[in-house]
Protein backbone atom coordinates (compact mmCIF):
# COMPACT_ATOMS: atom_id res chain seq x y z
CA MET A 1 -13.92 0.53 -27.46
CA LYS A 2 -15.94 0.21 -24.25
CA LYS A 3 -14.60 2.08 -21.21
CA GLN A 4 -15.36 1.52 -17.55
CA GLY A 5 -16.71 4.47 -15.52
CA PHE A 6 -14.91 5.73 -12.42
CA LEU A 7 -17.00 3.90 -9.84
CA LEU A 8 -17.24 0.77 -11.96
CA SER A 9 -13.45 0.80 -12.26
CA SER A 10 -13.15 1.52 -8.56
CA LEU A 11 -15.73 -1.14 -7.70
CA ILE A 12 -13.75 -3.74 -9.63
CA LEU A 13 -10.59 -2.73 -7.80
CA ILE A 14 -12.35 -2.48 -4.42
CA ILE A 15 -13.64 -6.02 -4.79
CA THR A 16 -10.15 -7.00 -5.85
CA VAL A 17 -8.60 -5.32 -2.83
CA ILE A 18 -11.12 -6.94 -0.46
CA ILE A 19 -10.38 -10.35 -1.93
CA THR A 20 -6.62 -9.80 -1.96
CA LYS A 21 -6.64 -8.45 1.59
CA ILE A 22 -8.62 -11.44 2.83
CA LEU A 23 -6.18 -13.67 1.00
CA GLY A 24 -3.35 -11.55 2.38
CA LEU A 25 -4.56 -12.13 5.92
CA ILE A 26 -4.86 -15.84 5.18
CA TYR A 27 -1.21 -15.63 4.14
CA LYS A 28 0.08 -13.15 6.73
CA ILE A 29 -1.51 -14.54 9.90
CA PRO A 30 -0.13 -18.09 9.58
CA LEU A 31 3.18 -16.66 8.39
CA THR A 32 3.37 -14.43 11.46
CA ASN A 33 2.57 -17.41 13.64
CA ILE A 34 5.36 -19.39 11.97
CA LEU A 35 7.97 -16.65 12.09
CA GLY A 36 7.00 -14.93 15.34
CA GLY A 37 8.28 -11.47 16.18
CA GLU A 38 11.95 -12.32 15.62
CA GLY A 39 11.44 -14.15 12.33
CA PHE A 40 9.19 -11.42 11.00
CA GLY A 41 11.95 -8.99 11.91
CA TYR A 42 14.24 -10.72 9.38
CA TYR A 43 11.40 -10.71 6.86
CA SER A 44 10.77 -6.98 7.39
CA VAL A 45 14.46 -6.06 7.22
CA ALA A 46 14.70 -7.82 3.85
CA TYR A 47 11.77 -5.79 2.54
CA SER A 48 13.22 -2.54 3.87
CA VAL A 49 16.48 -3.21 1.97
CA PHE A 50 14.66 -4.36 -1.17
CA MET A 51 11.91 -1.73 -1.41
CA PRO A 52 14.03 1.38 -2.23
CA MET A 53 15.53 -0.46 -5.20
CA PHE A 54 12.10 -1.73 -6.22
CA SER A 55 10.57 1.74 -5.95
CA ILE A 56 13.24 3.44 -8.06
CA SER A 57 12.85 0.91 -10.86
CA VAL A 58 9.09 0.18 -10.75
CA SER A 59 7.19 3.05 -9.09
CA GLY A 60 5.67 5.53 -11.49
CA ILE A 61 5.52 3.10 -14.41
CA THR A 62 1.84 2.27 -14.05
CA GLN A 63 0.84 5.91 -13.56
CA SER A 64 2.91 7.23 -16.47
CA ILE A 65 1.77 4.54 -18.91
CA SER A 66 -1.86 4.91 -17.77
CA ARG A 67 -1.80 8.66 -18.24
CA LEU A 68 -0.07 8.67 -21.65
CA VAL A 69 -2.28 5.87 -22.97
CA SER A 70 -5.48 7.61 -21.82
CA GLU A 71 -4.37 10.94 -23.34
CA ASN A 72 -3.56 9.32 -26.69
CA ALA A 73 -6.67 7.16 -26.70
CA ILE A 74 -8.97 10.15 -26.17
CA PHE A 75 -7.64 11.63 -29.43
CA GLU A 76 -7.85 8.20 -31.16
CA ARG A 77 -4.09 7.87 -31.61
CA TYR A 78 -4.23 4.10 -31.21
CA LYS A 79 -1.04 3.34 -33.13
CA ASN A 80 0.76 5.61 -30.69
CA VAL A 81 -0.94 3.80 -27.80
CA ARG A 82 0.55 0.50 -28.91
CA LYS A 83 3.95 2.09 -29.45
CA ILE A 84 3.94 3.48 -25.91
CA LYS A 85 3.59 -0.05 -24.60
CA ARG A 86 6.42 -1.42 -26.78
CA VAL A 87 8.81 1.36 -25.83
CA ALA A 88 7.99 1.00 -22.12
CA LEU A 89 8.43 -2.79 -22.11
CA LEU A 90 11.83 -2.56 -23.81
CA PHE A 91 13.21 0.23 -21.62
CA PHE A 92 11.90 -0.96 -18.27
CA SER A 93 13.01 -4.53 -18.95
CA LEU A 94 16.58 -3.29 -19.09
CA ILE A 95 16.04 -1.21 -15.93
CA GLY A 96 14.54 -4.22 -14.16
CA ILE A 97 17.43 -6.51 -15.01
CA ALA A 98 20.01 -3.92 -13.91
CA PHE A 99 18.35 -3.22 -10.55
CA THR A 100 17.76 -6.92 -9.85
CA LEU A 101 21.47 -7.61 -10.24
CA LEU A 102 22.37 -4.52 -8.21
CA THR A 103 20.12 -5.66 -5.34
CA VAL A 104 21.83 -9.05 -5.25
CA ILE A 105 25.26 -7.39 -5.23
CA ILE A 106 24.51 -4.96 -2.38
CA ALA A 107 22.64 -7.51 -0.21
CA LEU A 108 25.77 -8.61 1.67
CA PRO A 109 27.33 -5.21 2.51
CA VAL A 110 24.00 -3.55 3.37
CA CYS A 111 22.74 -6.34 5.62
CA VAL A 112 26.08 -6.89 7.36
CA TYR A 113 27.50 -3.39 7.73
CA ILE A 114 24.55 -0.98 7.57
CA VAL A 115 21.43 -2.76 8.86
CA LYS A 116 23.54 -5.15 10.97
CA GLU A 117 21.19 -8.06 10.31
CA PRO A 118 23.34 -10.51 8.30
CA SER A 119 20.67 -13.20 8.69
CA SER A 120 18.43 -11.25 6.27
CA ILE A 121 20.85 -11.56 3.30
CA TRP A 122 19.18 -14.63 1.84
CA SER A 123 15.72 -13.09 2.07
CA VAL A 124 16.94 -10.04 0.13
CA ILE A 125 18.42 -12.24 -2.59
CA ALA A 126 15.23 -14.34 -2.74
CA ILE A 127 13.01 -11.31 -3.38
CA SER A 128 15.31 -9.43 -5.78
CA PRO A 129 13.85 -10.99 -9.02
CA CYS A 130 10.55 -9.25 -8.17
CA ILE A 131 12.13 -6.04 -9.45
CA PHE A 132 12.36 -7.30 -13.03
CA ILE A 133 8.99 -9.03 -12.81
CA GLY A 134 7.47 -5.87 -11.34
CA THR A 135 8.54 -3.73 -14.29
CA GLN A 136 6.71 -6.04 -16.70
CA LEU A 137 3.58 -6.20 -14.57
CA SER A 138 3.52 -2.42 -14.09
CA VAL A 139 3.77 -1.66 -17.82
CA LEU A 140 1.00 -4.09 -18.78
CA ARG A 141 -1.30 -3.05 -15.93
CA GLY A 142 -0.75 0.63 -16.67
CA TYR A 143 -1.52 0.00 -20.34
CA TYR A 144 -4.90 -1.56 -19.60
CA GLU A 145 -5.72 1.00 -16.90
CA GLY A 146 -5.04 3.80 -19.39
CA LEU A 147 -7.63 2.17 -21.66
CA ARG A 148 -9.92 2.24 -18.59
CA ASN A 149 -10.02 -1.52 -18.31
CA MET A 150 -9.24 -2.53 -14.73
CA THR A 151 -10.09 -6.21 -15.22
CA PRO A 152 -6.54 -7.41 -16.06
CA THR A 153 -5.12 -5.65 -13.00
CA ALA A 154 -7.84 -7.09 -10.77
CA PHE A 155 -7.56 -10.59 -12.24
CA THR A 156 -3.80 -10.86 -11.88
CA GLU A 157 -3.70 -9.32 -8.40
CA VAL A 158 -6.17 -11.89 -7.09
CA LEU A 159 -4.22 -14.71 -8.71
CA GLU A 160 -0.98 -13.33 -7.27
CA SER A 161 -2.47 -13.42 -3.77
CA CYS A 162 -3.63 -17.00 -4.29
CA PHE A 163 -0.20 -18.05 -5.51
CA LYS A 164 1.38 -16.31 -2.53
CA ILE A 165 -0.70 -18.42 -0.15
CA VAL A 166 0.14 -21.63 -1.97
CA PHE A 167 3.85 -21.06 -2.52
CA GLY A 168 4.65 -18.55 0.24
CA LEU A 169 3.00 -20.49 3.05
CA GLY A 170 3.90 -23.82 1.51
CA LEU A 171 7.60 -22.97 1.39
CA ALA A 172 7.43 -21.36 4.87
CA PHE A 173 5.97 -24.57 6.37
CA TRP A 174 8.56 -26.61 4.50
CA GLY A 175 11.33 -24.31 5.67
CA ALA A 176 10.18 -24.56 9.28
CA GLU A 177 10.38 -28.35 9.11
CA ASN A 178 13.76 -28.40 7.35
CA CYS A 179 15.47 -25.32 8.79
CA ASP A 180 18.33 -27.35 10.31
CA ARG A 181 19.19 -29.43 7.24
CA PHE A 182 20.94 -26.69 5.24
CA PHE A 183 23.78 -24.26 5.80
CA ILE A 184 21.21 -21.49 6.52
CA LYS A 185 19.72 -22.30 9.89
CA GLY A 186 16.58 -21.45 11.85
CA LEU A 187 14.24 -18.51 11.26
CA PRO A 188 16.45 -16.77 8.63
CA PHE A 189 15.99 -19.87 6.46
CA VAL A 190 12.21 -19.89 7.01
CA SER A 191 12.04 -16.18 6.14
CA ALA A 192 13.98 -16.75 2.89
CA CYS A 193 11.67 -19.64 1.97
CA ALA A 194 8.56 -17.54 2.56
CA ILE A 195 9.91 -14.68 0.44
CA SER A 196 10.85 -17.11 -2.34
CA GLY A 197 7.15 -17.98 -2.49
CA VAL A 198 6.37 -14.29 -3.05
CA THR A 199 8.78 -14.22 -5.99
CA ILE A 200 7.19 -17.30 -7.53
CA ALA A 201 3.73 -15.75 -7.11
CA ASN A 202 4.84 -12.58 -8.91
CA LEU A 203 6.35 -14.59 -11.75
CA LEU A 204 3.23 -16.67 -12.31
CA SER A 205 1.03 -13.56 -12.19
CA CYS A 206 3.17 -11.88 -14.85
CA MET A 207 3.07 -14.95 -17.10
CA ILE A 208 -0.73 -15.12 -16.82
CA LEU A 209 -1.08 -11.42 -17.70
CA ILE A 210 1.05 -11.98 -20.82
CA ILE A 211 -1.17 -14.93 -21.79
CA TYR A 212 -4.30 -12.83 -21.09
CA GLN A 213 -2.96 -10.14 -23.42
CA LYS A 214 -2.37 -12.66 -26.21
CA ILE A 215 -5.83 -14.21 -25.89
CA LYS A 216 -8.10 -11.25 -25.04
CA GLY A 217 -6.21 -8.39 -26.70
CA ASP A 218 -6.79 -4.75 -25.79
CA GLY A 219 -9.96 -3.85 -27.68
CA ILE A 220 -8.08 -1.88 -30.35
CA THR A 221 -9.04 -3.08 -33.84
CA LYS A 222 -7.02 -2.99 -37.07
CA GLN A 223 -9.36 -0.32 -38.39
CA MET A 224 -8.61 1.86 -35.36
CA ILE A 225 -4.88 1.33 -35.88
CA ASN A 226 -5.06 2.19 -39.58
CA SER A 227 -6.95 5.41 -38.85
CA ASP A 228 -3.92 6.72 -36.91
CA LEU A 229 -1.62 7.99 -39.65
CA SER A 230 1.43 8.95 -37.57
CA THR A 231 3.27 8.04 -34.38
CA ASP A 232 5.68 9.90 -32.15
CA ARG A 233 9.37 9.09 -32.20
CA MET A 234 10.57 6.46 -29.76
CA ARG A 235 12.84 9.02 -28.10
CA ASP A 236 9.94 11.44 -27.57
CA LEU A 237 7.73 8.74 -26.09
CA LEU A 238 10.47 7.62 -23.74
CA GLN A 239 11.06 11.20 -22.61
CA ALA A 240 7.33 11.61 -21.96
CA ILE A 241 7.24 8.40 -19.91
CA LEU A 242 10.28 9.37 -17.86
CA LYS A 243 9.04 12.92 -17.34
CA ILE A 244 6.02 11.53 -15.50
CA SER A 245 7.46 8.38 -13.93
CA MET A 246 10.80 9.67 -12.60
CA PRO A 247 9.43 12.16 -10.03
CA ILE A 248 6.90 9.55 -8.89
CA ALA A 249 9.66 6.95 -8.60
CA ILE A 250 11.82 9.35 -6.62
CA ALA A 251 8.90 10.17 -4.30
CA PHE A 252 8.17 6.49 -3.71
CA ALA A 253 11.86 5.78 -3.28
CA ILE A 254 11.98 8.44 -0.57
CA THR A 255 8.96 6.81 1.07
CA THR A 256 10.48 3.34 1.00
CA LEU A 257 13.81 4.78 2.01
CA GLY A 258 11.87 5.99 5.01
CA GLY A 259 11.05 2.33 5.70
CA PHE A 260 14.74 1.54 5.46
CA ILE A 261 15.48 4.41 7.83
CA ASP A 262 12.81 2.96 10.14
CA THR A 263 14.79 -0.26 10.28
CA LEU A 264 17.94 1.61 11.24
CA THR A 265 16.50 4.19 13.63
CA ILE A 266 13.88 2.02 15.33
CA ASN A 267 16.20 -0.87 16.14
CA HIS A 268 18.89 1.53 17.33
CA SER A 269 16.43 3.57 19.39
CA ILE A 270 14.86 0.48 20.97
CA ARG A 271 18.33 -0.63 22.05
CA ASN A 272 18.80 2.81 23.64
CA ALA A 273 15.45 2.51 25.40
CA ILE A 274 16.37 -0.91 26.79
CA ARG A 275 19.72 0.39 28.02
CA ASN A 276 18.03 3.41 29.61
CA SER A 277 15.36 1.43 31.44
CA PRO A 278 16.00 -2.34 31.46
CA GLU A 279 13.71 -2.80 34.46
CA TYR A 280 10.72 -1.46 32.49
CA PHE A 281 11.18 -4.00 29.69
CA SER A 282 11.93 -6.77 32.17
CA HIS A 283 8.67 -6.03 33.97
CA LYS A 284 6.71 -5.76 30.72
CA PHE A 285 8.03 -8.81 28.90
CA GLY A 286 9.53 -10.88 31.70
CA LEU A 287 12.71 -11.32 29.67
CA THR A 288 16.43 -10.84 30.21
CA PHE A 289 18.03 -8.37 27.83
CA SER A 290 21.45 -9.73 27.18
CA ASP A 291 19.68 -11.23 24.16
CA GLU A 292 20.26 -8.95 21.16
CA SER A 293 17.16 -10.32 19.43
CA LEU A 294 14.72 -8.24 21.53
CA PRO A 295 14.82 -5.12 19.27
CA THR A 296 14.24 -7.39 16.26
CA PHE A 297 11.35 -9.04 18.12
CA ILE A 298 9.69 -5.72 18.96
CA TYR A 299 10.21 -4.31 15.46
CA GLY A 300 8.98 -7.55 13.90
CA SER A 301 5.86 -7.45 16.10
CA TYR A 302 5.18 -3.90 14.93
CA THR A 303 5.62 -4.67 11.23
CA GLY A 304 4.02 -8.11 11.37
CA LEU A 305 0.92 -7.25 13.42
CA THR A 306 0.33 -3.50 13.60
CA LEU A 307 1.30 -2.61 10.04
CA THR A 308 -0.55 -5.64 8.64
CA ILE A 309 -3.83 -4.34 10.09
CA PHE A 310 -2.97 -0.69 9.44
CA GLY A 311 -2.29 -1.32 5.75
CA LEU A 312 -5.68 -2.87 5.00
CA ILE A 313 -7.67 0.36 4.58
CA PRO A 314 -5.04 2.58 2.85
CA SER A 315 -4.44 -0.11 0.24
CA MET A 316 -8.17 -0.32 -0.38
CA VAL A 317 -8.79 3.41 -0.87
CA SER A 318 -5.61 3.83 -2.94
CA ILE A 319 -7.52 2.29 -5.83
CA PHE A 320 -9.60 5.47 -6.10
CA GLY A 321 -6.43 7.32 -7.07
CA LYS A 322 -5.63 4.64 -9.60
CA SER A 323 -9.14 4.79 -11.08
CA ILE A 324 -9.37 8.59 -11.16
CA LEU A 325 -6.02 9.07 -12.94
CA PRO A 326 -7.17 8.31 -16.53
CA VAL A 327 -10.47 10.14 -15.94
CA ILE A 328 -8.78 13.34 -14.73
CA SER A 329 -6.16 13.06 -17.50
CA GLU A 330 -8.89 12.99 -20.14
CA ASP A 331 -10.71 16.00 -18.67
CA MET A 332 -7.45 17.97 -18.40
CA ALA A 333 -6.61 17.16 -22.02
CA ARG A 334 -10.05 18.45 -23.09
CA GLY A 335 -9.89 21.51 -20.83
CA TYR A 336 -12.90 20.53 -18.67
CA TYR A 337 -11.60 22.19 -15.50
CA ASN A 338 -14.99 22.48 -13.77
CA GLU A 339 -15.45 18.74 -14.17
CA VAL A 340 -12.00 18.18 -12.69
CA SER A 341 -12.96 20.11 -9.55
CA LYS A 342 -16.23 18.19 -9.12
CA LYS A 343 -14.54 14.84 -9.57
CA ILE A 344 -11.77 15.66 -7.12
CA ASN A 345 -14.32 16.52 -4.43
CA SER A 346 -16.28 13.36 -5.18
CA VAL A 347 -13.28 11.04 -4.96
CA LEU A 348 -12.10 12.65 -1.70
CA PHE A 349 -15.59 12.30 -0.28
CA ILE A 350 -15.80 8.60 -1.14
CA THR A 351 -12.34 8.08 0.36
CA ALA A 352 -13.51 9.73 3.59
CA LEU A 353 -16.65 7.56 3.66
CA ILE A 354 -14.44 4.48 3.91
CA SER A 355 -11.37 5.65 5.80
CA ILE A 356 -12.94 7.59 8.70
CA PRO A 357 -15.29 4.86 10.02
CA SER A 358 -12.63 2.21 9.43
CA ALA A 359 -10.03 4.11 11.45
CA MET A 360 -12.47 4.84 14.27
CA GLY A 361 -13.57 1.20 14.33
CA ILE A 362 -10.02 -0.16 14.45
CA PHE A 363 -9.18 2.30 17.24
CA THR A 364 -12.18 1.20 19.29
CA PHE A 365 -11.70 -2.55 18.75
CA SER A 366 -7.91 -2.70 18.37
CA ASP A 367 -7.37 -5.21 21.20
CA GLU A 368 -10.19 -7.42 19.97
CA ILE A 369 -8.93 -7.35 16.37
CA LEU A 370 -5.36 -8.25 17.39
CA THR A 371 -6.60 -11.09 19.61
CA LEU A 372 -8.92 -12.40 16.89
CA LEU A 373 -6.28 -12.41 14.15
CA PHE A 374 -3.25 -13.44 16.24
CA PRO A 375 -4.62 -15.57 19.10
CA THR A 376 -1.31 -17.34 19.80
CA LYS A 377 0.88 -14.21 19.80
CA ALA A 378 0.21 -12.69 23.22
CA MET A 379 3.76 -11.34 23.60
CA GLU A 380 3.73 -9.76 20.14
CA ILE A 381 0.35 -8.16 20.87
CA LEU A 382 1.70 -6.81 24.14
CA ALA A 383 4.60 -5.25 22.24
CA CYS A 384 2.51 -3.45 19.61
CA ARG A 385 -1.05 -2.90 20.89
CA ASP A 386 -0.58 0.82 21.66
CA SER A 387 1.00 1.51 18.29
CA LEU A 388 -2.11 0.31 16.41
CA LYS A 389 -4.36 2.74 18.29
CA ILE A 390 -2.00 5.63 17.59
CA LEU A 391 -1.77 4.83 13.88
CA CYS A 392 -5.53 5.06 13.38
CA ALA A 393 -5.32 8.86 12.99
CA GLY A 394 -2.46 8.37 10.54
CA MET A 395 -4.66 5.93 8.63
CA VAL A 396 -7.14 8.71 7.77
CA PHE A 397 -4.33 11.10 6.81
CA LEU A 398 -2.70 8.51 4.54
CA CYS A 399 -5.98 7.47 2.91
CA MET A 400 -6.99 11.04 2.10
CA SER A 401 -3.59 11.94 0.66
CA SER A 402 -3.46 8.89 -1.64
CA PRO A 403 -5.93 10.05 -4.34
CA ILE A 404 -4.52 13.58 -4.16
CA TYR A 405 -1.16 12.17 -5.23
CA SER A 406 -2.68 10.63 -8.32
CA ILE A 407 -4.51 13.86 -9.08
CA LEU A 408 -1.30 15.91 -8.81
CA GLN A 409 0.31 13.48 -11.23
CA ALA A 410 -2.61 13.76 -13.62
CA ILE A 411 -2.36 17.56 -13.71
CA SER A 412 1.35 17.42 -14.56
CA LYS A 413 2.67 18.16 -11.07
CA PRO A 414 4.48 14.94 -10.15
CA LYS A 415 7.55 16.83 -8.87
CA VAL A 416 5.46 18.21 -6.04
CA SER A 417 5.22 14.74 -4.51
CA VAL A 418 9.01 14.57 -4.21
CA ARG A 419 9.10 17.68 -2.04
CA ILE A 420 6.19 16.45 0.07
CA MET A 421 7.67 13.02 0.65
CA LEU A 422 11.12 14.33 1.44
CA THR A 423 9.72 16.67 4.10
CA ALA A 424 7.61 13.91 5.66
CA CYS A 425 10.52 11.47 5.62
CA VAL A 426 12.85 13.87 7.45
CA VAL A 427 10.21 14.59 10.10
CA LYS A 428 9.57 10.88 10.58
CA MET A 429 13.27 10.08 10.93
CA ILE A 430 13.83 12.79 13.56
CA LEU A 431 10.75 11.82 15.58
CA ASN A 432 11.65 8.12 15.36
CA TYR A 433 15.06 8.75 16.83
CA TYR A 434 13.75 10.69 19.83
CA LEU A 435 10.38 9.09 20.54
CA VAL A 436 11.32 5.41 20.21
CA SER A 437 14.20 6.00 22.65
CA ILE A 438 11.66 6.82 25.37
CA PRO A 439 11.21 3.49 27.24
CA ARG A 440 7.49 3.87 27.94
CA LEU A 441 6.82 4.72 24.31
CA ASN A 442 9.40 2.48 22.53
CA ILE A 443 7.72 1.13 19.38
CA ALA A 444 4.62 3.30 19.94
CA GLY A 445 6.94 6.24 19.27
CA ALA A 446 7.31 4.98 15.70
CA ALA A 447 3.51 5.08 15.35
CA VAL A 448 3.46 8.68 16.60
CA ALA A 449 6.20 9.61 14.11
CA ALA A 450 4.36 7.91 11.25
CA THR A 451 1.10 9.66 12.12
CA PHE A 452 2.79 13.07 12.14
CA SER A 453 4.45 12.37 8.80
CA TYR A 454 1.14 11.28 7.21
CA GLY A 455 -0.48 14.45 8.54
CA ILE A 456 2.23 16.55 6.90
CA ILE A 457 1.73 14.67 3.63
CA LEU A 458 -2.00 15.40 3.69
CA LEU A 459 -1.68 19.09 4.55
CA MET A 460 1.00 19.74 1.93
CA SER A 461 -0.90 17.74 -0.70
CA VAL A 462 -4.13 19.65 -0.13
CA TYR A 463 -2.26 22.96 -0.24
CA GLU A 464 -0.57 22.09 -3.54
CA LEU A 465 -3.80 20.81 -5.06
CA THR A 466 -5.79 23.94 -4.20
CA LYS A 467 -2.93 26.15 -5.40
CA VAL A 468 -2.15 24.40 -8.68
CA ALA A 469 -5.57 23.16 -9.79
CA LYS A 470 -7.63 26.02 -8.27
CA VAL A 471 -9.87 23.41 -6.66
CA LYS A 472 -12.24 24.38 -3.85
CA ILE A 473 -12.56 21.51 -1.42
CA SER A 474 -15.84 21.09 0.45
CA TYR A 475 -14.45 20.29 3.90
CA ARG A 476 -17.88 20.16 5.52
CA LYS A 477 -19.14 17.54 3.12
CA ILE A 478 -15.91 15.55 2.94
CA PHE A 479 -15.04 15.43 6.64
CA VAL A 480 -17.89 16.59 8.90
CA LYS A 481 -20.72 14.40 7.64
CA PRO A 482 -18.67 11.18 7.44
CA PHE A 483 -17.22 11.90 10.90
CA PHE A 484 -20.67 12.29 12.44
CA ALA A 485 -21.98 9.11 10.79
CA SER A 486 -18.80 7.24 11.80
CA PHE A 487 -19.17 8.37 15.41
CA MET A 488 -22.73 7.01 15.52
CA CYS A 489 -21.53 3.77 13.93
CA VAL A 490 -18.69 3.18 16.39
CA MET A 491 -20.67 4.12 19.49
CA THR A 492 -23.44 1.76 18.46
CA ALA A 493 -21.00 -1.07 17.77
CA LYS A 494 -19.15 -0.57 21.07
CA SER A 495 -22.36 -0.46 23.13
CA CYS A 496 -23.65 -3.55 21.36
CA PHE A 497 -20.38 -5.41 21.93
CA ASP A 498 -20.30 -4.61 25.64
CA LEU A 499 -23.88 -5.86 25.97
CA VAL A 500 -23.73 -8.95 23.74
CA THR A 501 -20.32 -10.18 24.94
CA MET A 502 -21.84 -10.85 28.39
CA HIS A 503 -24.20 -13.39 26.85
CA SER A 504 -22.30 -14.73 23.85
CA ASN A 505 -18.80 -15.72 22.73
CA PHE A 506 -16.19 -13.17 21.73
CA VAL A 507 -16.17 -13.70 17.95
CA LEU A 508 -19.96 -13.74 17.55
CA SER A 509 -20.28 -10.62 19.69
CA LEU A 510 -17.74 -8.79 17.54
CA VAL A 511 -19.43 -9.83 14.28
CA ILE A 512 -22.88 -8.78 15.50
CA SER A 513 -21.57 -5.46 16.80
CA VAL A 514 -19.74 -4.58 13.58
CA PHE A 515 -22.76 -5.55 11.47
CA LEU A 516 -25.08 -3.36 13.55
CA GLY A 517 -22.57 -0.51 13.40
CA VAL A 518 -22.49 -0.71 9.59
CA ILE A 519 -26.30 -0.57 9.46
CA ILE A 520 -26.33 2.54 11.65
CA TYR A 521 -23.60 4.09 9.50
CA ILE A 522 -25.54 3.57 6.27
CA PHE A 523 -28.72 4.91 7.91
CA SER A 524 -26.85 7.99 9.16
CA LEU A 525 -25.47 8.66 5.67
CA TYR A 526 -28.98 8.38 4.27
CA LEU A 527 -30.29 10.93 6.77
CA LEU A 528 -27.43 13.29 5.91
CA SER A 529 -28.15 13.02 2.13
CA VAL A 530 -24.50 12.59 1.33
CA LEU A 531 -24.69 11.81 -2.42
CA THR A 532 -26.57 13.75 -5.09
CA LYS A 533 -28.13 12.12 -8.15
CA ASN A 534 -25.61 13.82 -10.45
CA GLU A 535 -22.68 12.46 -8.43
CA ILE A 536 -24.12 8.95 -8.51
CA LYS A 537 -24.63 9.22 -12.29
CA TRP A 538 -21.02 10.38 -12.83
CA LEU A 539 -19.56 7.72 -10.57
CA PHE A 540 -21.20 4.88 -12.44
CA PHE A 541 -21.43 6.05 -16.02
CA LYS A 542 -18.80 8.74 -16.74
């Protein structure tokens, strides 16, 4: 059975992420223009209510299945591999159905009495089936990833993004034209329509993955199955799955609960800031503040614009953690601890190569990027421009901590992530409450709080990794060299932009500047000799 190497697996997923992020922008930018700050506020509130339930039921499934499948496959226990999938599908189907129904039931009381955004109820109900669908997708994707075959994950994620554009935007446009014909009126109706398109996209993606499985199979032959003479009991397999997935699910639930807390604390704190200094907001936005929709507008601008751009790079580098998980699991099962240390340093280094220049570039060109992507949303840009700059440091922290999470899970320390996330969540909640209430900070205070929390996650993760796995991290190689090359890249791009923009249009100047910056970055990395031949060989072929 042919396996994909780490970098080949990562390359497949990187290409997938690039494609899905481009498709995501094609979806998100028009959607933001349709919904505006206020409408995206309803959309974001629905996600903040939905995500904790989704995380509890779905998070950890892919990692646990991937790890158990890879560990069994390395010892040629292929009958057990198949049984892991059957047990997981049965159990998590029941979990998915239960949490889908629970989300529908709690939508009304949570939106009305806790979040105090009753207009988001229908959006929550529209997205709730994604919980059940997500459990099926996670099991099947984890199964193939454990066999070190990233193609099904990549294939279905791209299709899901395409379907989201077709159905999500299609229903959003339809909703905008018909938002006064039904008992749900205005932007809440448009938000519910857009989220219904997301649910349809998830459903179609899941159906296609099931069909793919029937047609292409998993590479395990009958001879391989017959050579495995025994299987573990269903109860033992389920316990093994839950032992890995539950701490991960709890950690992700804490993270998404942090998003729910954001919704509560940020809206409340923005209201406090407006009450404390109405003249500041009046001068900044030119609005009167008897309108209760302003906090929703500001929060929606932050989630719709700032977090859309912020999330591009972390989601891309998170695939390294996904790709390294089965590789590290195999080495740990064999007792190759020196190899584990080398691979951890390599994956952190590659993460830094992408995240550091990306964060520095977004910081330098934040205004230009916002204007390019959201040309008709001047008020929304005004509300969130400072927050994007602040979050660039948090972007590096979040990117670097992402593969460490997967590594901690692979070395049987998933409970550590619960403690880390809980600490970061508490810090973020406290800082949100105080910083967002400061009028001149307002939503930028949420960016400061998020950056601090991501920094805590990184520091605690590195500490736990070095303590548990006895790994020595090469800080000079991982951080210093990429930082120097990134600095040269950004300075070149900025100087070029300032020069070219005087003689050319804005978009062309930005494209030329970024292209030249990338060339300088690659040249700087070459001069610094950042990759050895052995590392390149492992990345592609191991």
